[in-house]
Amino acid sequence: METVYETIQRSSTISFPGLFGDWSIDPPAFFTLFGRPIYFYGVIIALGFLLGITYCAKSAKRFGIREDDVYDLVIWLIPLSIIGARLYFVAFKLDYYAAHPDEIIAIWNGGLAIYGGVIAGVIVMLFVCRRKKIPWQAMLDLIIYGLLIGQILGRWGNFMNREAFGAETDIFCRMQLTAPDGSSICVHPTFLYESLWNLIGLVGLIIWERKGGRRYDGQAALGYFFWYGVGRTWIEGLRTDSLYIAGTSLRVSQLLSIVLALVSLVLLVVNARKKHPPEELYVNKVAAAAAEIVQTEKGEETEHE
């Protein structure tokens, strides 16, 4: 039997009465192109990927990494991360998908778990970095910026689908969902909370990194994992569609977020007590090697003269 959330979810009008009064919006789930439905959820996710990749490619030099190496990684990263995100989601709803195997690939209906995508993405990154002899910590520091951009935009795909919202509330920023029959509920707009939380994290990391705050490879990634873990811990607690560990009331993402935040914090504290000579940073090693090549070439030219 459907819950009140499921009943009004897909066809509801969205409003924010505490912020914008009577203003409302009823965004369509898809538009048609050449007679075929194109879902806004997929378009927004794709846009997030493209912007994230573009930012990483243009910022790669600051981490000692070539643009081409970023694109080589992305070729494998995108499809395998999507597969990982879907498999993670399916794994925690195995009873349902065992009975409906034809829906396992139906990602256009929603059902991508960020942690599954991150796990798959890290495995792919480790493999590519090993092949290209790039320290994976330096690459991870770079790609977390793209990941944040993708998460910021991706949550608005949830908005278009009327999903990933929280429990009922009367908070000032509540989101009201009104069904065609007039029934409505006011809920936590958790998609918005996470999007804004990640935006703050992205801006903070960019300012910190550009001011020379990154002293060792992997530091930016640890900062991201701590920030995201803290935010996801409290936001997940508000949601109504969480994945649970079978037979328990434990939310999978909330448990992982707590572990992620604690481990990241411990590693940040431990590394803060260590000395990190600037020459050990990969980007500085690359710059030093390039300078040495230039110096050698100049010496050879001088000898020929």
C-alpha atoms as a PDB file:
ATOM      1  CA  MET A   1       0.000   0.000   0.000  1.00  0.00           C
ATOM      2  CA  GLU A   2       1.355   3.430  -0.951  1.00  0.00           C
ATOM      3  CA  THR A   3       2.231   5.941   1.743  1.00  0.00           C
ATOM      4  CA  VAL A   4       1.031   9.538   1.555  1.00  0.00           C
ATOM      5  CA  TYR A   5       4.546  10.432   0.380  1.00  0.00           C
ATOM      6  CA  GLU A   6       4.426   8.023  -2.551  1.00  0.00           C
ATOM      7  CA  THR A   7       0.876   9.008  -3.465  1.00  0.00           C
ATOM      8  CA  ILE A   8       1.668  12.667  -4.090  1.00  0.00           C
ATOM      9  CA  GLN A   9       5.317  12.392  -5.014  1.00  0.00           C
ATOM     10  CA  ARG A  10       5.405  12.298  -8.824  1.00  0.00           C
ATOM     11  CA  SER A  11       2.517  14.572  -9.776  1.00  0.00           C
ATOM     12  CA  SER A  12       2.604  17.190  -7.040  1.00  0.00           C
ATOM     13  CA  THR A  13       2.927  20.935  -7.291  1.00  0.00           C
ATOM     14  CA  ILE A  14       5.904  22.301  -5.334  1.00  0.00           C
ATOM     15  CA  SER A  15       5.802  25.447  -3.203  1.00  0.00           C
ATOM     16  CA  PHE A  16       7.690  27.032  -0.316  1.00  0.00           C
ATOM     17  CA  PRO A  17       4.958  28.852   1.643  1.00  0.00           C
ATOM     18  CA  GLY A  18       7.295  29.986   4.411  1.00  0.00           C
ATOM     19  CA  LEU A  19       9.650  31.667   1.947  1.00  0.00           C
ATOM     20  CA  PHE A  20       7.667  32.621  -1.163  1.00  0.00           C
ATOM     21  CA  GLY A  21       4.040  32.705  -0.081  1.00  0.00           C
ATOM     22  CA  ASP A  22       1.627  31.504  -2.787  1.00  0.00           C
ATOM     23  CA  TRP A  23       4.305  31.017  -5.442  1.00  0.00           C
ATOM     24  CA  SER A  24       4.417  27.450  -6.769  1.00  0.00           C
ATOM     25  CA  ILE A  25       5.949  25.379  -9.563  1.00  0.00           C
ATOM     26  CA  ASP A  26       4.915  22.162 -11.249  1.00  0.00           C
ATOM     27  CA  PRO A  27       8.032  21.103 -13.203  1.00  0.00           C
ATOM     28  CA  PRO A  28       7.540  18.310 -15.738  1.00  0.00           C
ATOM     29  CA  ALA A  29       9.522  15.106 -15.258  1.00  0.00           C
ATOM     30  CA  PHE A  30      10.607  15.122 -18.893  1.00  0.00           C
ATOM     31  CA  PHE A  31      10.407  16.846 -22.255  1.00  0.00           C
ATOM     32  CA  THR A  32      10.193  15.218 -25.665  1.00  0.00           C
ATOM     33  CA  LEU A  33      12.894  15.276 -28.330  1.00  0.00           C
ATOM     34  CA  PHE A  34      12.187  13.649 -31.694  1.00  0.00           C
ATOM     35  CA  GLY A  35       9.201  11.980 -30.107  1.00  0.00           C
ATOM     36  CA  ARG A  36      11.165  10.414 -27.240  1.00  0.00           C
ATOM     37  CA  PRO A  37      11.002  11.421 -23.548  1.00  0.00           C
ATOM     38  CA  ILE A  38      14.148  13.056 -22.158  1.00  0.00           C
ATOM     39  CA  TYR A  39      14.066  13.163 -18.358  1.00  0.00           C
ATOM     40  CA  PHE A  40      15.232  16.341 -16.619  1.00  0.00           C
ATOM     41  CA  TYR A  41      16.777  14.167 -13.893  1.00  0.00           C
ATOM     42  CA  GLY A  42      19.212  12.697 -16.416  1.00  0.00           C
ATOM     43  CA  VAL A  43      19.871  16.064 -18.072  1.00  0.00           C
ATOM     44  CA  ILE A  44      20.762  17.679 -14.739  1.00  0.00           C
ATOM     45  CA  ILE A  45      22.990  14.757 -13.715  1.00  0.00           C
ATOM     46  CA  ALA A  46      24.763  14.948 -17.092  1.00  0.00           C
ATOM     47  CA  LEU A  47      25.217  18.711 -16.728  1.00  0.00           C
ATOM     48  CA  GLY A  48      26.753  18.170 -13.293  1.00  0.00           C
ATOM     49  CA  PHE A  49      29.183  15.642 -14.750  1.00  0.00           C
ATOM     50  CA  LEU A  50      30.179  17.965 -17.610  1.00  0.00           C
ATOM     51  CA  LEU A  51      30.776  20.987 -15.370  1.00  0.00           C
ATOM     52  CA  GLY A  52      32.680  18.882 -12.850  1.00  0.00           C
ATOM     53  CA  ILE A  53      34.911  17.412 -15.553  1.00  0.00           C
ATOM     54  CA  THR A  54      35.526  20.838 -17.081  1.00  0.00           C
ATOM     55  CA  TYR A  55      36.541  22.313 -13.746  1.00  0.00           C
ATOM     56  CA  CYS A  56      38.905  19.406 -13.004  1.00  0.00           C
ATOM     57  CA  ALA A  57      40.510  19.564 -16.449  1.00  0.00           C
ATOM     58  CA  LYS A  58      41.113  23.311 -16.201  1.00  0.00           C
ATOM     59  CA  SER A  59      42.441  23.015 -12.624  1.00  0.00           C
ATOM     60  CA  ALA A  60      44.610  19.921 -13.201  1.00  0.00           C
ATOM     61  CA  LYS A  61      47.847  21.881 -13.588  1.00  0.00           C
ATOM     62  CA  ARG A  62      47.581  23.206 -10.011  1.00  0.00           C
ATOM     63  CA  PHE A  63      47.835  19.592  -8.823  1.00  0.00           C
ATOM     64  CA  GLY A  64      50.676  18.560 -11.149  1.00  0.00           C
ATOM     65  CA  ILE A  65      48.335  16.577 -13.398  1.00  0.00           C
ATOM     66  CA  ARG A  66      47.861  16.896 -17.163  1.00  0.00           C
ATOM     67  CA  GLU A  67      44.458  17.620 -18.694  1.00  0.00           C
ATOM     68  CA  ASP A  68      44.749  14.505 -20.840  1.00  0.00           C
ATOM     69  CA  ASP A  69      45.159  12.369 -17.725  1.00  0.00           C
ATOM     70  CA  VAL A  70      41.890  13.776 -16.373  1.00  0.00           C
ATOM     71  CA  TYR A  71      40.033  12.926 -19.587  1.00  0.00           C
ATOM     72  CA  ASP A  72      41.562   9.440 -19.660  1.00  0.00           C
ATOM     73  CA  LEU A  73      40.272   8.878 -16.131  1.00  0.00           C
ATOM     74  CA  VAL A  74      36.823  10.256 -16.931  1.00  0.00           C
ATOM     75  CA  ILE A  75      36.316   7.853 -19.849  1.00  0.00           C
ATOM     76  CA  TRP A  76      36.272   4.991 -17.341  1.00  0.00           C
ATOM     77  CA  LEU A  77      35.048   6.891 -14.307  1.00  0.00           C
ATOM     78  CA  ILE A  78      31.627   8.044 -15.522  1.00  0.00           C
ATOM     79  CA  PRO A  79      30.087   4.769 -16.739  1.00  0.00           C
ATOM     80  CA  LEU A  80      31.575   2.629 -13.964  1.00  0.00           C
ATOM     81  CA  SER A  81      30.565   5.109 -11.238  1.00  0.00           C
ATOM     82  CA  ILE A  82      26.976   5.088 -12.518  1.00  0.00           C
ATOM     83  CA  ILE A  83      27.008   1.295 -12.486  1.00  0.00           C
ATOM     84  CA  GLY A  84      28.465   1.318  -8.961  1.00  0.00           C
ATOM     85  CA  ALA A  85      25.836   3.782  -7.739  1.00  0.00           C
ATOM     86  CA  ARG A  86      23.044   1.663  -9.187  1.00  0.00           C
ATOM     87  CA  LEU A  87      24.400  -1.662  -7.876  1.00  0.00           C
ATOM     88  CA  TYR A  88      24.759  -0.169  -4.385  1.00  0.00           C
ATOM     89  CA  PHE A  89      21.135   0.992  -4.450  1.00  0.00           C
ATOM     90  CA  VAL A  90      19.874  -2.341  -5.788  1.00  0.00           C
ATOM     91  CA  ALA A  91      21.896  -4.306  -3.209  1.00  0.00           C
ATOM     92  CA  PHE A  92      19.977  -2.705  -0.350  1.00  0.00           C
ATOM     93  CA  LYS A  93      16.604  -3.271  -2.024  1.00  0.00           C
ATOM     94  CA  LEU A  94      17.412  -6.779  -3.184  1.00  0.00           C
ATOM     95  CA  ASP A  95      14.027  -8.277  -2.279  1.00  0.00           C
ATOM     96  CA  TYR A  96      12.241  -5.813  -4.541  1.00  0.00           C
ATOM     97  CA  TYR A  97      14.607  -6.108  -7.501  1.00  0.00           C
ATOM     98  CA  ALA A  98      14.741  -9.904  -7.218  1.00  0.00           C
ATOM     99  CA  ALA A  99      10.996  -9.803  -7.868  1.00  0.00           C
ATOM    100  CA  HIS A 100      11.330  -7.087 -10.567  1.00  0.00           C
ATOM    101  CA  PRO A 101      14.642  -7.807 -12.347  1.00  0.00           C
ATOM    102  CA  ASP A 102      13.538  -5.834 -15.417  1.00  0.00           C
ATOM    103  CA  GLU A 103      13.728  -2.636 -13.328  1.00  0.00           C
ATOM    104  CA  ILE A 104      17.358  -3.064 -12.270  1.00  0.00           C
ATOM    105  CA  ILE A 105      18.594  -0.979 -15.206  1.00  0.00           C
ATOM    106  CA  ALA A 106      15.774   1.595 -14.979  1.00  0.00           C
ATOM    107  CA  ILE A 107      17.939   4.387 -13.558  1.00  0.00           C
ATOM    108  CA  TRP A 108      15.680   6.950 -15.274  1.00  0.00           C
ATOM    109  CA  ASN A 109      13.195   6.252 -12.481  1.00  0.00           C
ATOM    110  CA  GLY A 110      15.758   7.252  -9.861  1.00  0.00           C
ATOM    111  CA  GLY A 111      17.787   5.023  -7.595  1.00  0.00           C
ATOM    112  CA  LEU A 112      21.459   6.033  -7.691  1.00  0.00           C
ATOM    113  CA  ALA A 113      23.324   5.915  -4.370  1.00  0.00           C
ATOM    114  CA  ILE A 114      26.207   8.381  -4.120  1.00  0.00           C
ATOM    115  CA  TYR A 115      28.314   6.115  -1.916  1.00  0.00           C
ATOM    116  CA  GLY A 116      28.177   3.329  -4.502  1.00  0.00           C
ATOM    117  CA  GLY A 117      29.349   5.788  -7.143  1.00  0.00           C
ATOM    118  CA  VAL A 118      32.179   7.054  -4.929  1.00  0.00           C
ATOM    119  CA  ILE A 119      33.374   3.524  -4.100  1.00  0.00           C
ATOM    120  CA  ALA A 120      33.403   2.515  -7.775  1.00  0.00           C
ATOM    121  CA  GLY A 121      35.036   5.815  -8.719  1.00  0.00           C
ATOM    122  CA  VAL A 122      37.851   5.391  -6.191  1.00  0.00           C
ATOM    123  CA  ILE A 123      38.590   1.873  -7.469  1.00  0.00           C
ATOM    124  CA  VAL A 124      38.758   3.141 -11.061  1.00  0.00           C
ATOM    125  CA  MET A 125      40.944   6.073 -10.016  1.00  0.00           C
ATOM    126  CA  LEU A 126      43.406   3.792  -8.198  1.00  0.00           C
ATOM    127  CA  PHE A 127      43.734   1.613 -11.286  1.00  0.00           C
ATOM    128  CA  VAL A 128      44.247   4.549 -13.682  1.00  0.00           C
ATOM    129  CA  CYS A 129      46.707   6.325 -11.374  1.00  0.00           C
ATOM    130  CA  ARG A 130      48.758   3.151 -11.035  1.00  0.00           C
ATOM    131  CA  ARG A 131      48.906   2.786 -14.809  1.00  0.00           C
ATOM    132  CA  LYS A 132      49.936   6.417 -15.276  1.00  0.00           C
ATOM    133  CA  LYS A 133      52.241   6.525 -12.233  1.00  0.00           C
ATOM    134  CA  ILE A 134      50.370   9.434 -10.650  1.00  0.00           C
ATOM    135  CA  PRO A 135      50.007   9.538  -6.847  1.00  0.00           C
ATOM    136  CA  TRP A 136      46.358   8.682  -6.266  1.00  0.00           C
ATOM    137  CA  GLN A 137      46.175  11.148  -3.371  1.00  0.00           C
ATOM    138  CA  ALA A 138      46.973  14.045  -5.730  1.00  0.00           C
ATOM    139  CA  MET A 139      44.383  12.861  -8.248  1.00  0.00           C
ATOM    140  CA  LEU A 140      41.799  12.438  -5.502  1.00  0.00           C
ATOM    141  CA  ASP A 141      42.447  15.991  -4.294  1.00  0.00           C
ATOM    142  CA  LEU A 142      41.578  17.180  -7.791  1.00  0.00           C
ATOM    143  CA  ILE A 143      38.515  15.088  -8.577  1.00  0.00           C
ATOM    144  CA  ILE A 144      36.692  15.830  -5.316  1.00  0.00           C
ATOM    145  CA  TYR A 145      36.043  19.330  -6.717  1.00  0.00           C
ATOM    146  CA  GLY A 146      34.304  17.810  -9.716  1.00  0.00           C
ATOM    147  CA  LEU A 147      32.425  15.450  -7.423  1.00  0.00           C
ATOM    148  CA  LEU A 148      31.160  18.358  -5.344  1.00  0.00           C
ATOM    149  CA  ILE A 149      29.986  20.222  -8.444  1.00  0.00           C
ATOM    150  CA  GLY A 150      28.154  17.112  -9.614  1.00  0.00           C
ATOM    151  CA  GLN A 151      26.508  16.675  -6.206  1.00  0.00           C
ATOM    152  CA  ILE A 152      25.440  20.310  -6.009  1.00  0.00           C
ATOM    153  CA  LEU A 153      23.630  20.126  -9.337  1.00  0.00           C
ATOM    154  CA  GLY A 154      22.566  16.499  -9.083  1.00  0.00           C
ATOM    155  CA  ARG A 155      20.337  17.130  -6.083  1.00  0.00           C
ATOM    156  CA  TRP A 156      18.213  19.407  -8.268  1.00  0.00           C
ATOM    157  CA  GLY A 157      17.456  16.340 -10.354  1.00  0.00           C
ATOM    158  CA  ASN A 158      15.847  14.978  -7.178  1.00  0.00           C
ATOM    159  CA  PHE A 159      13.847  18.213  -6.984  1.00  0.00           C
ATOM    160  CA  MET A 160      12.495  17.662 -10.504  1.00  0.00           C
ATOM    161  CA  ASN A 161      11.524  14.096  -9.542  1.00  0.00           C
ATOM    162  CA  ARG A 162       9.931  15.158  -6.214  1.00  0.00           C
ATOM    163  CA  GLU A 163      12.177  12.740  -4.366  1.00  0.00           C
ATOM    164  CA  ALA A 164      14.876  12.681  -1.674  1.00  0.00           C
ATOM    165  CA  PHE A 165      12.842  14.947   0.580  1.00  0.00           C
ATOM    166  CA  GLY A 166      12.502  14.678   4.351  1.00  0.00           C
ATOM    167  CA  ALA A 167       9.872  14.113   6.993  1.00  0.00           C
ATOM    168  CA  GLU A 168       6.947  16.448   7.627  1.00  0.00           C
ATOM    169  CA  THR A 169       7.822  19.768   9.242  1.00  0.00           C
ATOM    170  CA  ASP A 170       6.621  23.330   9.758  1.00  0.00           C
ATOM    171  CA  ILE A 171      10.118  24.859   9.516  1.00  0.00           C
ATOM    172  CA  PHE A 172      10.307  28.237   7.725  1.00  0.00           C
ATOM    173  CA  CYS A 173      11.960  26.746   4.621  1.00  0.00           C
ATOM    174  CA  ARG A 174       9.534  23.816   4.368  1.00  0.00           C
ATOM    175  CA  MET A 175       8.631  22.467   0.950  1.00  0.00           C
ATOM    176  CA  GLN A 176       4.940  21.860   0.308  1.00  0.00           C
ATOM    177  CA  LEU A 177       3.904  19.083  -2.069  1.00  0.00           C
ATOM    178  CA  THR A 178       0.303  19.374  -3.281  1.00  0.00           C
ATOM    179  CA  ALA A 179      -1.311  16.540  -5.253  1.00  0.00           C
ATOM    180  CA  PRO A 180      -3.927  17.113  -7.999  1.00  0.00           C
ATOM    181  CA  ASP A 181      -6.677  16.081  -5.560  1.00  0.00           C
ATOM    182  CA  GLY A 182      -5.666  18.897  -3.201  1.00  0.00           C
ATOM    183  CA  SER A 183      -4.003  16.760  -0.527  1.00  0.00           C
ATOM    184  CA  SER A 184      -0.645  18.124   0.594  1.00  0.00           C
ATOM    185  CA  ILE A 185       2.214  17.755   3.053  1.00  0.00           C
ATOM    186  CA  CYS A 186       5.033  20.060   4.108  1.00  0.00           C
ATOM    187  CA  VAL A 187       8.434  18.409   4.291  1.00  0.00           C
ATOM    188  CA  HIS A 188      12.119  19.120   4.803  1.00  0.00           C
ATOM    189  CA  PRO A 189      13.660  20.017   1.384  1.00  0.00           C
ATOM    190  CA  THR A 190      16.657  17.791   2.069  1.00  0.00           C
ATOM    191  CA  PHE A 191      17.758  17.967  -1.569  1.00  0.00           C
ATOM    192  CA  LEU A 192      18.207  21.713  -1.011  1.00  0.00           C
ATOM    193  CA  TYR A 193      20.016  21.259   2.300  1.00  0.00           C
ATOM    194  CA  GLU A 194      22.569  18.928   0.719  1.00  0.00           C
ATOM    195  CA  SER A 195      23.021  21.092  -2.370  1.00  0.00           C
ATOM    196  CA  LEU A 196      23.706  24.189  -0.258  1.00  0.00           C
ATOM    197  CA  TRP A 197      25.924  22.256   2.171  1.00  0.00           C
ATOM    198  CA  ASN A 198      28.064  21.029  -0.717  1.00  0.00           C
ATOM    199  CA  LEU A 199      28.159  24.513  -2.276  1.00  0.00           C
ATOM    200  CA  ILE A 200      29.557  25.942   0.952  1.00  0.00           C
ATOM    201  CA  GLY A 201      32.094  23.109   1.063  1.00  0.00           C
ATOM    202  CA  LEU A 202      33.138  23.688  -2.559  1.00  0.00           C
ATOM    203  CA  VAL A 203      33.624  27.437  -2.132  1.00  0.00           C
ATOM    204  CA  GLY A 204      35.520  26.909   1.120  1.00  0.00           C
ATOM    205  CA  LEU A 205      37.861  24.312  -0.394  1.00  0.00           C
ATOM    206  CA  ILE A 206      38.563  26.454  -3.483  1.00  0.00           C
ATOM    207  CA  ILE A 207      39.445  29.512  -1.376  1.00  0.00           C
ATOM    208  CA  TRP A 208      41.568  27.424   1.003  1.00  0.00           C
ATOM    209  CA  GLU A 209      43.430  25.625  -1.788  1.00  0.00           C
ATOM    210  CA  ARG A 210      44.109  28.754  -3.843  1.00  0.00           C
ATOM    211  CA  LYS A 211      45.527  30.498  -0.794  1.00  0.00           C
ATOM    212  CA  GLY A 212      48.076  27.712  -0.404  1.00  0.00           C
ATOM    213  CA  GLY A 213      46.332  25.781   2.343  1.00  0.00           C
ATOM    214  CA  ARG A 214      47.024  22.367   0.779  1.00  0.00           C
ATOM    215  CA  ARG A 215      50.288  21.133   2.334  1.00  0.00           C
ATOM    216  CA  TYR A 216      50.176  17.455   1.364  1.00  0.00           C
ATOM    217  CA  ASP A 217      48.528  15.270  -1.254  1.00  0.00           C
ATOM    218  CA  GLY A 218      45.211  13.945  -0.002  1.00  0.00           C
ATOM    219  CA  GLN A 219      44.514  16.844   2.354  1.00  0.00           C
ATOM    220  CA  ALA A 220      41.744  18.380   0.232  1.00  0.00           C
ATOM    221  CA  ALA A 221      40.095  14.967  -0.138  1.00  0.00           C
ATOM    222  CA  LEU A 222      40.127  14.428   3.637  1.00  0.00           C
ATOM    223  CA  GLY A 223      38.556  17.858   4.087  1.00  0.00           C
ATOM    224  CA  TYR A 224      35.830  16.941   1.617  1.00  0.00           C
ATOM    225  CA  PHE A 225      35.135  13.559   3.219  1.00  0.00           C
ATOM    226  CA  PHE A 226      34.865  15.163   6.662  1.00  0.00           C
ATOM    227  CA  TRP A 227      32.594  17.976   5.459  1.00  0.00           C
ATOM    228  CA  TYR A 228      30.363  15.692   3.399  1.00  0.00           C
ATOM    229  CA  GLY A 229      30.216  13.063   6.152  1.00  0.00           C
ATOM    230  CA  VAL A 230      29.069  15.594   8.752  1.00  0.00           C
ATOM    231  CA  GLY A 231      26.445  17.108   6.451  1.00  0.00           C
ATOM    232  CA  ARG A 232      25.113  13.790   5.175  1.00  0.00           C
ATOM    233  CA  THR A 233      24.850  12.433   8.736  1.00  0.00           C
ATOM    234  CA  TRP A 234      22.257  15.000   9.825  1.00  0.00           C
ATOM    235  CA  ILE A 235      20.546  15.359   6.439  1.00  0.00           C
ATOM    236  CA  GLU A 236      20.085  11.588   6.066  1.00  0.00           C
ATOM    237  CA  GLY A 237      18.385  11.538   9.459  1.00  0.00           C
ATOM    238  CA  LEU A 238      15.655  13.792   8.043  1.00  0.00           C
ATOM    239  CA  ARG A 239      14.909  11.732   4.925  1.00  0.00           C
ATOM    240  CA  THR A 240      12.044   9.294   4.432  1.00  0.00           C
ATOM    241  CA  ASP A 241      13.557   7.206   1.630  1.00  0.00           C
ATOM    242  CA  SER A 242      16.786   5.988   3.241  1.00  0.00           C
ATOM    243  CA  LEU A 243      18.292   2.588   2.551  1.00  0.00           C
ATOM    244  CA  TYR A 244      18.430   0.456   5.708  1.00  0.00           C
ATOM    245  CA  ILE A 245      20.618  -2.439   6.747  1.00  0.00           C
ATOM    246  CA  ALA A 246      18.403  -5.515   6.390  1.00  0.00           C
ATOM    247  CA  GLY A 247      16.466  -6.353   9.548  1.00  0.00           C
ATOM    248  CA  THR A 248      17.565  -3.214  11.399  1.00  0.00           C
ATOM    249  CA  SER A 249      16.595   0.438  11.787  1.00  0.00           C
ATOM    250  CA  LEU A 250      20.120   1.560  10.863  1.00  0.00           C
ATOM    251  CA  ARG A 251      20.329   3.875   7.861  1.00  0.00           C
ATOM    252  CA  VAL A 252      23.177   2.741   5.627  1.00  0.00           C
ATOM    253  CA  SER A 253      24.223   6.178   4.415  1.00  0.00           C
ATOM    254  CA  GLN A 254      24.039   7.698   7.887  1.00  0.00           C
ATOM    255  CA  LEU A 255      26.249   4.971   9.349  1.00  0.00           C
ATOM    256  CA  LEU A 256      28.774   5.308   6.525  1.00  0.00           C
ATOM    257  CA  SER A 257      28.733   9.095   6.880  1.00  0.00           C
ATOM    258  CA  ILE A 258      29.545   8.927  10.597  1.00  0.00           C
ATOM    259  CA  VAL A 259      32.438   6.532   9.950  1.00  0.00           C
ATOM    260  CA  LEU A 260      33.661   8.673   7.034  1.00  0.00           C
ATOM    261  CA  ALA A 261      33.610  11.885   9.067  1.00  0.00           C
ATOM    262  CA  LEU A 262      35.345  10.336  12.097  1.00  0.00           C
ATOM    263  CA  VAL A 263      38.097   8.610  10.088  1.00  0.00           C
ATOM    264  CA  SER A 264      38.727  11.771   8.048  1.00  0.00           C
ATOM    265  CA  LEU A 265      38.900  13.906  11.187  1.00  0.00           C
ATOM    266  CA  VAL A 266      41.394  11.555  12.832  1.00  0.00           C
ATOM    267  CA  LEU A 267      43.609  11.560   9.729  1.00  0.00           C
ATOM    268  CA  LEU A 268      43.418  15.365   9.459  1.00  0.00           C
ATOM    269  CA  VAL A 269      44.463  15.756  13.109  1.00  0.00           C
ATOM    270  CA  VAL A 270      47.280  13.213  12.800  1.00  0.00           C
ATOM    271  CA  ASN A 271      48.631  14.856   9.648  1.00  0.00           C
ATOM    272  CA  ALA A 272      48.351  18.325  11.176  1.00  0.00           C
ATOM    273  CA  ARG A 273      50.996  17.258  13.704  1.00  0.00           C
ATOM    274  CA  LYS A 274      53.424  16.124  11.022  1.00  0.00           C
ATOM    275  CA  LYS A 275      55.849  18.183   8.993  1.00  0.00           C
ATOM    276  CA  HIS A 276      55.060  18.335   5.290  1.00  0.00           C
ATOM    277  CA  PRO A 277      57.962  19.834   3.306  1.00  0.00           C
ATOM    278  CA  PRO A 278      56.665  21.718   0.231  1.00  0.00           C
ATOM    279  CA  GLU A 279      58.934  19.702  -2.068  1.00  0.00           C
ATOM    280  CA  GLU A 280      56.971  16.525  -1.215  1.00  0.00           C
ATOM    281  CA  LEU A 281      53.778  17.884  -2.769  1.00  0.00           C
ATOM    282  CA  TYR A 282      53.330  16.210  -6.166  1.00  0.00           C
ATOM    283  CA  VAL A 283      52.732  19.461  -8.055  1.00  0.00           C
ATOM    284  CA  ASN A 284      56.036  20.792  -6.707  1.00  0.00           C
ATOM    285  CA  LYS A 285      57.832  17.566  -7.697  1.00  0.00           C
ATOM    286  CA  VAL A 286      56.490  17.948 -11.243  1.00  0.00           C
ATOM    287  CA  ALA A 287      57.562  21.604 -11.350  1.00  0.00           C
ATOM    288  CA  ALA A 288      61.048  20.725 -10.054  1.00  0.00           C
ATOM    289  CA  ALA A 289      61.439  17.953 -12.645  1.00  0.00           C
ATOM    290  CA  ALA A 290      60.348  20.320 -15.431  1.00  0.00           C
ATOM    291  CA  ALA A 291      62.787  22.991 -14.230  1.00  0.00           C
ATOM    292  CA  GLU A 292      65.594  20.429 -14.179  1.00  0.00           C
ATOM    293  CA  ILE A 293      64.847  19.428 -17.785  1.00  0.00           C
ATOM    294  CA  VAL A 294      64.898  23.059 -18.887  1.00  0.00           C
ATOM    295  CA  GLN A 295      68.179  23.629 -17.063  1.00  0.00           C
ATOM    296  CA  THR A 296      69.710  20.539 -18.686  1.00  0.00           C
ATOM    297  CA  GLU A 297      68.622  21.652 -22.150  1.00  0.00           C
ATOM    298  CA  LYS A 298      70.107  25.106 -21.574  1.00  0.00           C
ATOM    299  CA  GLY A 299      73.366  23.504 -20.496  1.00  0.00           C
ATOM    300  CA  GLU A 300      73.480  21.380 -23.641  1.00  0.00           C
ATOM    301  CA  GLU A 301      72.835  24.435 -25.801  1.00  0.00           C
ATOM    302  CA  THR A 302      75.660  26.286 -24.081  1.00  0.00           C
ATOM    303  CA  GLU A 303      78.048  23.396 -24.738  1.00  0.00           C
ATOM    304  CA  HIS A 304      77.196  23.329 -28.438  1.00  0.00           C
ATOM    305  CA  GLU A 305      77.892  27.033 -28.694  1.00  0.00           C
END
